[in-house]
Protein backbone atom coordinates (compact mmCIF):
# COMPACT_ATOMS: atom_id res chain seq x y z
CA MET A 1 13.85 -15.35 -26.03
CA ARG A 2 12.10 -12.02 -26.05
CA GLU A 3 8.33 -11.30 -25.86
CA LYS A 4 5.99 -8.43 -26.77
CA LEU A 5 3.19 -8.56 -23.83
CA LEU A 6 0.20 -6.47 -23.23
CA MET A 7 0.58 -6.19 -19.26
CA LEU A 8 -0.70 -4.32 -16.53
CA GLY A 9 1.76 -1.79 -14.79
CA ASP A 10 1.92 -3.97 -12.03
CA GLN A 11 2.56 -7.13 -14.32
CA ALA A 12 5.52 -5.45 -15.88
CA ILE A 13 6.90 -4.71 -12.39
CA ALA A 14 6.42 -8.19 -11.44
CA LEU A 15 8.06 -9.84 -14.59
CA GLY A 16 10.75 -7.20 -14.49
CA ALA A 17 11.62 -8.36 -11.03
CA ILE A 18 11.74 -12.17 -12.20
CA HIS A 19 13.43 -11.56 -15.07
CA ALA A 20 16.00 -9.60 -12.62
CA GLY A 21 17.13 -12.38 -10.75
CA ILE A 22 14.89 -11.95 -7.63
CA THR A 23 14.69 -14.51 -4.99
CA GLY A 24 11.85 -13.56 -3.45
CA VAL A 25 8.95 -11.05 -3.14
CA TYR A 26 7.36 -10.10 0.27
CA ALA A 27 4.18 -8.78 0.40
CA TYR A 28 0.50 -8.07 2.34
CA PRO A 29 -1.97 -7.72 -0.16
CA GLY A 30 -3.16 -4.14 -0.75
CA THR A 31 -5.09 -2.18 -3.70
CA PRO A 32 -3.27 -1.32 -6.33
CA SER A 33 -0.14 -3.19 -5.51
CA THR A 34 -1.88 -7.01 -5.33
CA GLU A 35 -1.52 -7.81 -8.97
CA ILE A 36 2.33 -7.83 -8.57
CA THR A 37 2.66 -10.45 -5.91
CA GLU A 38 -0.49 -12.67 -7.49
CA PHE A 39 1.73 -12.51 -10.72
CA ILE A 40 4.67 -13.47 -9.32
CA GLN A 41 2.81 -16.53 -7.57
CA ASP A 42 1.21 -17.79 -10.87
CA SER A 43 4.29 -17.06 -12.88
CA PRO A 44 5.72 -20.70 -14.03
CA LEU A 45 9.57 -19.33 -14.75
CA ALA A 46 9.05 -18.18 -10.74
CA LYS A 47 8.13 -21.64 -9.71
CA GLU A 48 10.62 -22.93 -11.76
CA ARG A 49 12.90 -20.96 -10.18
CA ASN A 50 11.85 -21.46 -6.36
CA VAL A 51 10.99 -17.64 -6.09
CA HIS A 52 9.49 -16.83 -2.76
CA SER A 53 6.12 -15.55 -3.06
CA ARG A 54 3.97 -16.22 0.21
CA TRP A 55 1.80 -13.41 1.30
CA CYS A 56 3.61 -11.82 4.72
CA THR A 57 1.58 -11.38 7.78
CA ASN A 58 1.91 -7.86 7.24
CA GLU A 59 4.20 -4.85 5.45
CA LYS A 60 6.94 -4.68 8.47
CA THR A 61 7.28 -8.44 8.32
CA ALA A 62 7.66 -8.17 4.36
CA MET A 63 9.83 -5.66 4.48
CA GLU A 64 12.26 -7.29 7.17
CA ALA A 65 11.83 -10.32 5.35
CA ALA A 66 13.31 -9.00 2.68
CA LEU A 67 16.16 -7.16 4.07
CA GLY A 68 17.10 -10.62 5.18
CA VAL A 69 17.49 -11.88 1.50
CA SER A 70 19.32 -8.78 0.74
CA TYR A 71 21.78 -9.96 3.59
CA ILE A 72 22.71 -12.98 2.19
CA GLY A 73 23.50 -11.25 -0.91
CA LYS A 74 20.12 -11.66 -3.01
CA ARG A 75 17.59 -9.90 -4.68
CA ALA A 76 14.47 -9.18 -3.13
CA LEU A 77 11.09 -7.28 -4.37
CA VAL A 78 8.80 -6.02 -1.16
CA CYS A 79 5.50 -4.58 -2.31
CA MET A 80 2.76 -2.77 -0.57
CA LYS A 81 0.39 0.13 -0.78
CA HIS A 82 0.93 3.43 0.28
CA VAL A 83 -0.31 3.04 3.60
CA GLY A 84 1.01 -0.08 4.22
CA LEU A 85 4.21 2.00 4.04
CA ASN A 86 3.79 3.53 7.34
CA VAL A 87 3.34 -0.03 8.83
CA ALA A 88 6.70 -0.79 7.44
CA ALA A 89 8.15 2.52 8.13
CA ASP A 90 10.29 1.37 11.00
CA ALA A 91 12.15 -1.24 9.04
CA PHE A 92 12.26 0.91 5.58
CA VAL A 93 13.95 3.68 7.27
CA ASN A 94 16.49 2.28 9.21
CA SER A 95 17.52 -0.09 5.74
CA SER A 96 19.01 3.17 4.66
CA MET A 97 21.02 3.11 7.58
CA THR A 98 22.14 -0.76 7.00
CA GLY A 99 22.35 -0.53 3.33
CA THR A 100 22.14 -3.46 1.56
CA ASN A 101 23.99 -6.50 -0.14
CA GLY A 102 21.87 -7.97 -2.35
CA GLY A 103 19.59 -5.61 -4.76
CA LEU A 104 16.50 -4.27 -2.78
CA VAL A 105 13.31 -2.73 -4.63
CA VAL A 106 10.70 -1.05 -2.09
CA LEU A 107 7.59 -1.01 -4.88
CA VAL A 108 5.26 1.24 -3.18
CA ALA A 109 1.51 1.93 -4.87
CA ASP A 110 0.14 4.87 -3.93
CA ASP A 111 -3.50 5.51 -4.70
CA PRO A 112 -4.33 9.37 -5.42
CA SER A 113 -8.12 10.11 -5.20
CA MET A 114 -8.28 7.46 -2.65
CA HIS A 115 -10.39 4.54 -4.84
CA SER A 116 -9.77 2.10 -1.70
CA SER A 117 -7.72 3.76 0.67
CA GLN A 118 -7.92 6.18 4.09
CA ASN A 119 -6.11 9.10 2.67
CA GLU A 120 -3.74 10.22 -0.12
CA GLN A 121 -0.16 10.12 0.42
CA ASP A 122 2.58 10.62 -1.34
CA SER A 123 5.37 7.99 -0.48
CA ARG A 124 8.38 10.46 -2.67
CA PHE A 125 8.15 12.09 0.73
CA TYR A 126 9.25 8.76 2.81
CA GLY A 127 12.05 8.50 0.06
CA LYS A 128 13.37 11.66 0.43
CA PHE A 129 12.71 11.50 4.14
CA ALA A 130 15.19 8.45 4.33
CA PHE A 131 17.67 9.13 1.86
CA MET A 132 16.87 6.75 -0.68
CA PRO A 133 17.15 7.17 -4.83
CA ILE A 134 13.35 7.06 -5.74
CA PHE A 135 12.20 5.91 -9.39
CA GLU A 136 8.91 6.63 -10.90
CA PRO A 137 7.84 4.93 -14.43
CA SER A 138 5.92 6.79 -16.78
CA SER A 139 4.80 3.96 -18.86
CA GLN A 140 4.24 0.08 -18.53
CA GLN A 141 7.33 -0.45 -20.49
CA GLU A 142 9.53 1.70 -18.45
CA ALA A 143 8.41 0.06 -15.43
CA TYR A 144 9.61 -3.17 -16.71
CA ASP A 145 13.00 -1.69 -17.45
CA MET A 146 13.45 0.44 -14.72
CA ILE A 147 13.04 -2.47 -12.06
CA ARG A 148 15.86 -4.14 -13.26
CA TYR A 149 17.92 -0.90 -13.41
CA ALA A 150 16.80 -0.17 -9.89
CA PHE A 151 17.93 -3.14 -8.70
CA ASP A 152 21.51 -2.64 -10.30
CA VAL A 153 21.57 0.81 -8.59
CA SER A 154 20.72 -1.04 -5.37
CA GLU A 155 23.71 -3.12 -5.58
CA GLN A 156 25.73 -0.29 -7.16
CA PHE A 157 25.04 2.25 -3.71
CA GLU A 158 24.42 -0.75 -1.45
CA LEU A 159 21.30 1.17 -1.03
CA PRO A 160 17.34 -0.06 -1.05
CA VAL A 161 15.59 1.97 -3.46
CA LEU A 162 12.02 2.85 -3.54
CA MET A 163 9.74 2.61 -6.95
CA ARG A 164 6.67 4.80 -6.87
CA LEU A 165 3.40 3.67 -8.73
CA THR A 166 0.23 5.09 -8.65
CA THR A 167 -3.34 3.39 -9.17
CA ARG A 168 -3.71 4.43 -12.98
CA MET A 169 -0.24 3.30 -13.76
CA ALA A 170 -0.82 0.12 -11.70
CA HIS A 171 -4.29 -0.77 -13.47
CA SER A 172 -3.65 0.10 -16.72
CA ARG A 173 -2.37 -2.06 -19.77
CA ALA A 174 0.40 -1.51 -22.48
CA GLU A 175 2.62 -3.29 -24.79
CA VAL A 176 6.00 -4.36 -22.71
CA GLN A 177 8.81 -5.59 -24.79
CA THR A 178 10.72 -8.07 -22.57
CA SER A 179 14.72 -8.46 -22.60
CA GLU A 180 17.04 -11.18 -21.39
CA ILE A 181 16.76 -13.28 -18.09
CA ARG A 182 18.99 -12.86 -15.42
CA GLU A 183 20.18 -15.90 -13.31
CA GLN A 184 19.77 -15.12 -9.32
CA ASN A 185 22.44 -14.08 -7.15
CA LYS A 186 24.61 -16.81 -5.32
CA ILE A 187 24.49 -16.32 -1.27
CA ARG A 188 27.56 -13.59 -0.53
CA PHE A 189 28.14 -11.91 2.75
CA PRO A 190 28.35 -8.59 3.18
CA GLU A 191 31.74 -7.54 3.92
CA ASP A 192 31.02 -4.85 6.28
CA LYS A 193 29.23 -6.71 9.05
CA SER A 194 28.93 -3.83 11.72
CA ARG A 195 26.72 -1.34 9.55
CA TRP A 196 24.14 -4.56 10.04
CA VAL A 197 24.22 -3.78 13.69
CA LEU A 198 22.52 -0.45 14.71
CA LEU A 199 24.26 0.75 17.80
CA PRO A 200 24.57 4.23 18.07
CA VAL A 201 28.23 4.05 16.96
CA ASN A 202 27.60 2.39 13.76
CA ALA A 203 24.18 4.16 13.00
CA ARG A 204 26.12 7.47 13.30
CA ARG A 205 28.58 6.83 10.99
CA ARG A 206 26.70 5.06 8.84
CA TYR A 207 24.48 8.07 8.65
CA ASN A 208 27.53 10.20 7.42
CA GLU A 209 28.30 7.67 4.62
CA LEU A 210 24.53 7.99 3.73
CA LEU A 211 24.58 11.79 3.47
CA ALA A 212 28.13 11.59 1.80
CA ALA A 213 26.40 9.67 -1.37
CA GLN A 214 23.47 12.05 -1.97
CA PRO A 215 25.52 14.14 -4.28
CA GLU A 216 26.63 10.55 -6.43
CA LEU A 217 23.03 9.70 -6.55
CA GLU A 218 21.96 13.19 -7.64
CA LYS A 219 24.53 12.87 -10.19
CA LEU A 220 23.30 9.64 -11.39
CA ALA A 221 19.82 10.98 -11.67
CA ALA A 222 20.97 13.80 -13.71
CA GLN A 223 22.73 11.16 -16.50
CA SER A 224 19.60 9.15 -16.28
CA THR A 225 17.92 7.97 -19.59
CA TYR A 226 14.93 8.08 -17.24
CA ASN A 227 15.13 11.82 -16.56
CA LYS A 228 15.14 13.46 -19.85
CA TYR A 229 15.57 17.57 -21.01
CA THR A 230 13.91 18.70 -24.21
CA SER A 231 14.63 22.45 -25.46
CA GLY A 232 11.27 24.34 -26.80
CA ASN A 233 9.71 27.29 -25.81
CA LYS A 234 9.61 29.73 -23.25
CA LYS A 235 6.82 27.48 -21.19
CA GLY A 236 8.34 24.91 -19.32
CA VAL A 237 6.85 21.80 -18.21
CA ILE A 238 8.42 19.52 -15.65
CA ALA A 239 6.33 16.19 -15.98
CA CYS A 240 6.86 13.55 -13.26
CA GLY A 241 6.56 9.74 -13.90
CA LEU A 242 2.71 9.15 -15.29
CA GLY A 243 2.25 12.75 -15.67
CA TYR A 244 4.74 12.38 -18.58
CA ASN A 245 2.39 10.46 -20.33
CA TYR A 246 -0.67 12.63 -19.91
CA LEU A 247 1.61 15.72 -21.31
CA MET A 248 2.48 13.53 -24.40
CA GLU A 249 -1.05 12.34 -24.84
CA ASN A 250 -2.16 16.22 -24.97
CA PHE A 251 0.51 17.01 -27.85
CA PRO A 252 0.15 13.87 -30.48
CA ASP A 253 2.05 15.84 -32.92
CA GLY A 254 4.65 16.78 -30.48
CA CYS A 255 5.11 19.38 -27.33
CA ASP A 256 6.61 22.33 -28.31
CA HIS A 257 7.19 23.28 -24.08
CA THR A 258 10.31 23.27 -22.97
CA VAL A 259 10.26 19.61 -21.04
CA LEU A 260 11.70 17.89 -18.08
CA LYS A 261 10.59 14.24 -17.49
CA ILE A 262 11.52 12.98 -14.16
CA SER A 263 11.58 9.56 -13.09
CA GLN A 264 14.66 9.17 -11.05
CA TYR A 265 15.24 11.14 -7.71
CA PRO A 266 17.02 12.60 -6.32
CA LEU A 267 15.54 15.71 -7.88
CA PRO A 268 18.25 16.71 -10.66
CA LYS A 269 18.79 20.25 -9.69
CA GLU A 270 21.04 21.37 -12.40
CA LEU A 271 18.35 20.20 -15.26
CA ILE A 272 16.15 21.74 -13.07
CA ARG A 273 17.96 24.93 -12.92
CA LYS A 274 18.19 25.16 -16.77
CA VAL A 275 14.57 24.73 -17.37
CA MET A 276 14.15 27.61 -14.54
CA ASN A 277 16.82 29.54 -15.99
CA ASN A 278 14.98 29.12 -19.59
CA CYS A 279 11.59 30.02 -19.05
CA ASP A 280 9.35 32.36 -17.95
CA GLU A 281 6.72 30.27 -16.20
CA VAL A 282 6.95 26.58 -15.30
CA LEU A 283 4.09 23.88 -14.91
CA VAL A 284 4.78 20.96 -12.51
CA LEU A 285 2.84 17.58 -13.27
CA GLU A 286 2.95 14.91 -10.58
CA ASP A 287 0.43 12.35 -9.68
CA GLY A 288 0.04 12.53 -5.91
CA GLN A 289 1.02 15.73 -3.69
CA PRO A 290 3.27 18.71 -4.61
CA PHE A 291 6.12 17.20 -3.64
CA VAL A 292 8.48 18.64 -6.42
CA GLU A 293 6.85 21.65 -6.91
CA GLU A 294 7.08 22.84 -3.17
CA GLN A 295 10.91 22.13 -3.19
CA LEU A 296 11.04 24.32 -6.17
CA ARG A 297 8.55 26.98 -4.90
CA GLY A 298 10.66 27.01 -1.45
CA LEU A 299 9.21 28.82 1.57
CA LEU A 300 9.05 32.02 0.59
CA ASP A 301 9.25 32.17 -3.27
CA GLU A 302 7.06 34.71 -4.53
CA SER A 303 8.38 34.66 -8.06
CA GLY A 304 5.11 33.08 -9.29
CA LYS A 305 7.20 31.16 -12.17
CA VAL A 306 6.26 27.57 -10.87
CA LYS A 307 2.66 26.75 -11.54
CA GLY A 308 0.80 23.48 -10.40
CA ARG A 309 -1.51 22.34 -7.55
CA LEU A 310 -0.42 24.92 -4.83
CA THR A 311 -1.44 27.72 -7.45
CA GLY A 312 -4.50 26.25 -8.80
CA GLU A 313 -3.62 25.01 -12.18
CA LEU A 314 -4.07 21.69 -11.35
CA PRO A 315 -6.60 20.27 -8.60
CA ARG A 316 -4.95 20.41 -4.73
CA VAL A 317 -6.97 16.88 -4.35
CA GLY A 318 -7.03 13.70 -6.66
CA GLU A 319 -5.28 12.05 -9.01
CA LEU A 320 -3.67 13.78 -12.19
CA THR A 321 -5.52 12.81 -15.37
CA PRO A 322 -5.12 13.80 -19.24
CA ASP A 323 -8.44 16.34 -18.97
CA ASN A 324 -7.07 18.17 -16.06
CA VAL A 325 -3.54 18.24 -17.35
CA ARG A 326 -4.77 19.39 -20.32
CA ASN A 327 -6.74 22.44 -18.52
CA ALA A 328 -3.74 23.08 -16.82
CA LEU A 329 -1.91 23.63 -20.40
CA GLY A 330 -4.53 26.16 -21.18
CA PHE A 331 -6.26 23.90 -23.97
CA ALA A 332 -9.79 23.85 -24.71
CA GLU A 333 -11.96 21.10 -23.02
CA GLN A 334 -12.73 18.26 -24.86
CA PRO A 335 -16.17 16.75 -24.80
CA LYS A 336 -16.87 14.28 -22.14
CA PHE A 337 -18.98 11.30 -21.21
CA SER A 338 -22.24 12.35 -19.24
CA PRO A 339 -24.17 9.40 -17.75
CA SER A 340 -27.86 9.30 -18.00
CA THR A 341 -29.43 11.27 -15.53
CA ASN A 342 -31.64 8.16 -15.05
CA VAL A 343 -28.31 6.03 -13.86
CA VAL A 344 -29.00 5.79 -9.79
CA PRO A 345 -25.74 6.33 -8.09
CA ARG A 346 -24.76 2.67 -6.59
CA PRO A 347 -22.80 2.71 -3.51
CA PRO A 348 -20.33 -0.15 -2.39
CA ALA A 349 -22.36 -3.09 -0.56
CA LEU A 350 -21.48 -6.22 1.17
CA CYS A 351 -22.11 -9.41 -1.23
CA THR A 352 -25.47 -11.21 -1.07
CA GLY A 353 -24.89 -14.11 1.43
CA CYS A 354 -21.86 -12.64 2.98
CA GLY A 355 -21.64 -14.05 6.80
CA HIS A 356 -20.66 -9.88 7.68
CA ILE A 357 -24.27 -9.17 6.92
CA ASP A 358 -25.79 -11.79 9.81
CA VAL A 359 -22.98 -10.28 12.07
CA TYR A 360 -24.24 -7.21 11.66
CA LYS A 361 -27.64 -7.40 12.07
CA ALA A 362 -27.10 -9.69 15.46
CA LEU A 363 -24.83 -7.04 16.54
CA ASN A 364 -27.37 -3.84 15.72
CA GLU A 365 -30.23 -5.88 17.82
CA VAL A 366 -28.21 -6.24 21.03
CA VAL A 367 -25.95 -2.78 20.71
CA ALA A 368 -29.30 -1.14 20.27
CA GLU A 369 -30.33 -2.24 24.32
CA TYR A 370 -27.44 -0.46 25.56
CA LYS A 371 -27.90 3.25 25.62
CA ASP A 372 -23.83 4.29 25.10
CA ALA A 373 -22.47 1.62 23.15
CA LYS A 374 -20.32 2.17 20.72
CA VAL A 375 -18.48 0.27 17.94
CA PHE A 376 -15.12 0.35 16.73
CA SER A 377 -14.23 -1.20 13.33
CA ASP A 378 -11.52 -1.57 11.38
CA ILE A 379 -10.04 -1.88 7.53
CA GLY A 380 -11.76 -4.27 5.48
CA CYS A 381 -14.94 -5.76 3.50
CA TYR A 382 -16.97 -5.34 6.84
CA THR A 383 -16.01 -1.63 7.07
CA LEU A 384 -19.24 -1.17 4.77
CA GLY A 385 -20.99 -1.86 7.79
CA ALA A 386 -20.92 1.93 8.39
CA LEU A 387 -23.55 2.36 5.16
CA PRO A 388 -26.99 1.97 5.11
CA PRO A 389 -28.67 -0.32 5.88
CA PHE A 390 -26.56 -1.22 9.21
CA ARG A 391 -25.10 1.68 10.24
CA ALA A 392 -23.51 -0.59 12.73
CA ILE A 393 -20.10 0.76 13.40
CA ASP A 394 -18.50 4.16 14.64
CA THR A 395 -14.92 4.46 13.90
CA CYS A 396 -12.53 3.49 11.06
CA VAL A 397 -9.02 4.80 11.16
CA ASP A 398 -6.37 2.32 10.06
CA MET A 399 -5.60 -1.57 10.47
CA GLY A 400 -5.72 -2.80 13.78
CA ALA A 401 -7.44 0.63 15.50
CA SER A 402 -10.33 -0.95 16.15
CA ILE A 403 -9.33 -3.09 19.21
CA THR A 404 -7.12 -0.21 20.63
CA MET A 405 -9.51 2.21 20.24
CA ALA A 406 -12.33 -0.04 21.81
CA LYS A 407 -9.92 -0.38 25.17
CA GLY A 408 -9.15 3.11 25.08
CA ALA A 409 -12.87 3.97 25.58
CA ALA A 410 -13.43 1.32 28.08
CA ASP A 411 -10.28 2.83 29.79
CA GLY A 412 -12.09 6.59 29.90
CA GLY A 413 -15.51 4.75 31.18
CA LEU A 414 -17.45 3.75 28.14
CA PHE A 415 -19.63 0.74 28.27
CA PRO A 416 -20.03 -1.21 26.48
CA SER A 417 -17.09 -1.03 24.24
CA ILE A 418 -17.04 -3.15 21.18
CA ALA A 419 -14.38 -4.27 18.68
CA VAL A 420 -15.15 -5.52 15.20
CA ILE A 421 -12.02 -6.57 13.11
CA GLY A 422 -11.52 -9.36 10.43
CA ASP A 423 -9.48 -11.71 10.42
CA SER A 424 -6.46 -10.82 8.39
CA THR A 425 -6.74 -7.71 9.64
CA PHE A 426 -6.51 -9.26 13.25
CA THR A 427 -3.16 -10.61 12.36
CA HIS A 428 -1.86 -8.02 10.40
CA SER A 429 -2.05 -5.51 13.49
CA GLY A 430 -4.78 -6.50 15.77
CA ILE A 431 -2.70 -8.84 17.95
CA THR A 432 -0.66 -6.20 19.95
CA GLY A 433 -3.75 -4.85 20.45
CA LEU A 434 -5.36 -7.54 22.28
CA GLN A 435 -2.51 -8.07 24.13
CA ASP A 436 -2.58 -4.55 25.49
CA ALA A 437 -6.58 -5.12 26.46
CA VAL A 438 -5.66 -8.35 28.55
CA ASN A 439 -2.59 -6.68 30.34
CA SER A 440 -5.05 -4.05 31.30
CA GLY A 441 -8.07 -6.23 32.41
CA VAL A 442 -10.07 -4.08 29.99
CA ASN A 443 -13.76 -4.58 29.94
CA ILE A 444 -14.18 -4.93 26.02
CA THR A 445 -15.53 -7.22 23.62
CA VAL A 446 -13.59 -8.04 20.53
CA VAL A 447 -15.62 -9.68 17.24
CA ILE A 448 -13.48 -11.14 14.98
CA SER A 449 -15.19 -11.63 12.06
CA ASP A 450 -13.73 -14.80 10.47
CA ASN A 451 -14.29 -15.51 6.65
CA LEU A 452 -11.20 -17.82 6.40
CA THR A 453 -9.51 -15.14 3.64
CA THR A 454 -7.92 -11.48 2.77
CA ALA A 455 -11.56 -11.08 1.03
CA MET A 456 -11.45 -7.08 0.50
CA THR A 457 -8.28 -7.55 -1.92
CA GLY A 458 -9.50 -10.45 -3.63
CA GLY A 459 -9.31 -13.24 -1.48
CA GLN A 460 -5.61 -14.16 -0.58
CA ASP A 461 -4.80 -16.45 2.18
CA SER A 462 -5.11 -14.84 5.85
CA ALA A 463 -2.47 -15.56 8.34
CA GLY A 464 -5.04 -16.56 10.93
CA THR A 465 -6.77 -18.96 9.17
CA GLU A 466 -7.75 -21.92 11.77
CA ARG A 467 -5.60 -20.54 14.38
CA LEU A 468 -7.41 -17.51 15.79
CA GLU A 469 -8.59 -19.31 19.09
CA SER A 470 -5.09 -20.65 19.95
CA ILE A 471 -3.62 -16.77 19.02
CA CYS A 472 -6.16 -15.20 21.39
CA VAL A 473 -5.53 -18.16 24.18
CA GLY A 474 -1.95 -17.19 23.74
CA VAL A 475 -1.96 -13.74 24.47
CA GLY A 476 -4.20 -14.28 27.60
CA VAL A 477 -7.81 -14.29 26.72
CA GLU A 478 -9.58 -16.82 28.69
CA GLN A 479 -10.67 -19.69 27.46
CA GLU A 480 -14.27 -19.80 27.99
CA HIS A 481 -14.66 -16.51 27.04
CA ILE A 482 -13.36 -17.16 23.50
CA ARG A 483 -16.82 -17.97 21.41
CA VAL A 484 -17.09 -19.27 17.98
CA ILE A 485 -20.19 -18.84 16.17
CA ILE A 486 -21.49 -19.48 12.68
CA PRO A 487 -23.36 -16.38 11.30
CA LEU A 488 -26.57 -17.76 9.55
CA PRO A 489 -30.19 -16.41 9.88
CA LYS A 490 -30.89 -19.39 11.54
CA ASN A 491 -28.46 -18.96 14.06
CA MET A 492 -29.78 -15.28 15.09
CA GLU A 493 -31.12 -15.98 18.42
CA GLU A 494 -28.05 -18.01 19.62
CA ALA A 495 -25.78 -15.23 18.18
CA LYS A 496 -27.37 -12.60 20.13
CA LYS A 497 -27.57 -14.44 23.06
CA VAL A 498 -23.61 -15.07 23.21
CA ILE A 499 -22.87 -11.38 22.06
CA ARG A 500 -25.07 -10.23 25.25
CA GLU A 501 -23.00 -12.72 27.67
CA GLU A 502 -19.85 -11.46 26.30
CA ILE A 503 -20.76 -7.62 26.75
CA GLU A 504 -21.84 -8.41 30.45
CA TYR A 505 -18.40 -10.20 31.28
CA ASN A 506 -16.45 -7.84 33.07
CA GLY A 507 -13.28 -8.60 31.13
CA VAL A 508 -11.66 -9.04 27.58
CA SER A 509 -13.71 -11.43 25.60
CA VAL A 510 -13.65 -12.60 21.84
CA ILE A 511 -16.22 -13.75 19.79
CA ILE A 512 -15.52 -15.37 15.96
CA PRO A 513 -18.25 -15.40 13.96
CA ARG A 514 -16.74 -18.03 11.10
CA ARG A 515 -18.15 -18.37 7.80
CA GLU A 516 -16.39 -18.64 4.79
CA CYS A 517 -16.50 -15.63 2.05
CA ILE A 518 -18.92 -16.14 -0.28
CA GLN A 519 -16.30 -14.94 -3.33
CA THR A 520 -14.08 -17.32 -2.43
CA LEU A 521 -16.70 -20.17 -1.78
CA LYS A 522 -17.63 -20.06 -5.34
CA ARG A 523 -13.89 -20.64 -6.76
CA ARG A 524 -13.42 -23.88 -4.68
CA PRO A 525 -15.43 -26.64 -2.53
CA PRO A 526 -16.92 -25.00 0.41
CA GLN A 527 -14.97 -25.67 3.59
CA SER A 528 -16.86 -26.73 6.65
CA PRO A 529 -16.64 -24.19 9.31
CA LYS A 530 -14.31 -25.27 12.27
CA GLY A 531 -15.81 -24.44 15.89
CA GLY A 532 -19.81 -24.12 16.73
CA LEU A 533 -22.25 -21.66 18.24
CA GLY A 534 -21.55 -21.46 22.33
């Protein structure tokens, strides 16, 4: 039965994937993509169809599992945020070489303006690099419809496809009209088995086949209903994805410019050439980096016809907005809301009652006893330890970097060299760093701050819950130097004693402060922490 629903962009993607007949969704939580998997996890239809929806340990394992689903002829969706694609890059790029059997859509949610991210990164560059078709919806309805089409394209060309969202599309709501629901594919195996074995002899052949498919993919994009040319005056606009939505917001009575809407890639060169030939100037609207603008301008283009982020009509950094699109179009600024001058800025802070607070209080007191002590940290709620009143950490680069940076600093002679990492981040990408440290016999202290969940993204399951000690033992940390503490004010002196002892131990030691996240504690009966002091 067809319905009209008010949905987030993330939810529209999720429902569209279920209705397209997916067998599984594979993901690691990361804003702004998290709600896609959560919607599928809570969907009665997905449960009825036994759609796999458990969280993966990281984005690479998610990509590889989804590729396994595709191998047996079924449809899979893999979801991540933009920096997660860096983690999955090996499998992602090579999946273009193996190709697909069942449809495979890689959904990546970029975060322009870095609302909750370490960088601004445009995933379209990855798609172009891997010679994949790319889809970029301009509305929630288009997101719902497009993912079904993306699975069809994946199976038609036997290639994975990249679908890109940005934060505002992922987290804004609009009406979505649903369509018919498809059944899941039956198991069927690929006819050409050799292309799934990337020995050089096979990979070279597959690379030539991948390149040979590009003209057909470009032709498909030029004919796509998602790419639309509208004739107008001599002022041209190329609007990509959400940029088209913002353009039309500024023309409530209809746009008189020549407009090319792009939501499917490779770039439709004939349509772009049509705009360039018919217009005196062309403004490129794209949320993220100047992916299209750079390709249009070329290395030595000095015509000045192409405008956008590189020429200053739009900001070089940050997300696209209706307001900066309005400015780029040359319209007068509209009145803006100005907060009261009495409103004091409120930077993010650790929740009252958070176990990380007591970890940092104890750590700060001990670290102050050493002249050159440095604390290398990681991605998670505990990164807020960089802010007042703690100022407890010295670095935060990427998932898992705390342990390996601490190791490198210790290799160079730093003492004490301390790493702080969360339980979910540790299983995501910290284990191999710990193994490097053990293999080198380096002198570092690793604090795995365990709040029994993936807290920063809303309390999803953590792959390391109740397994951290056994993982550390398996990697080779000596059992007597794996210490579990309960971070509470009443245990402060004992916690400091444990930290001092493990810093002074000449080797790899692990301290696990364990206390359930205060937010998940509110939502379910409290769990008794396992282990104790000492």
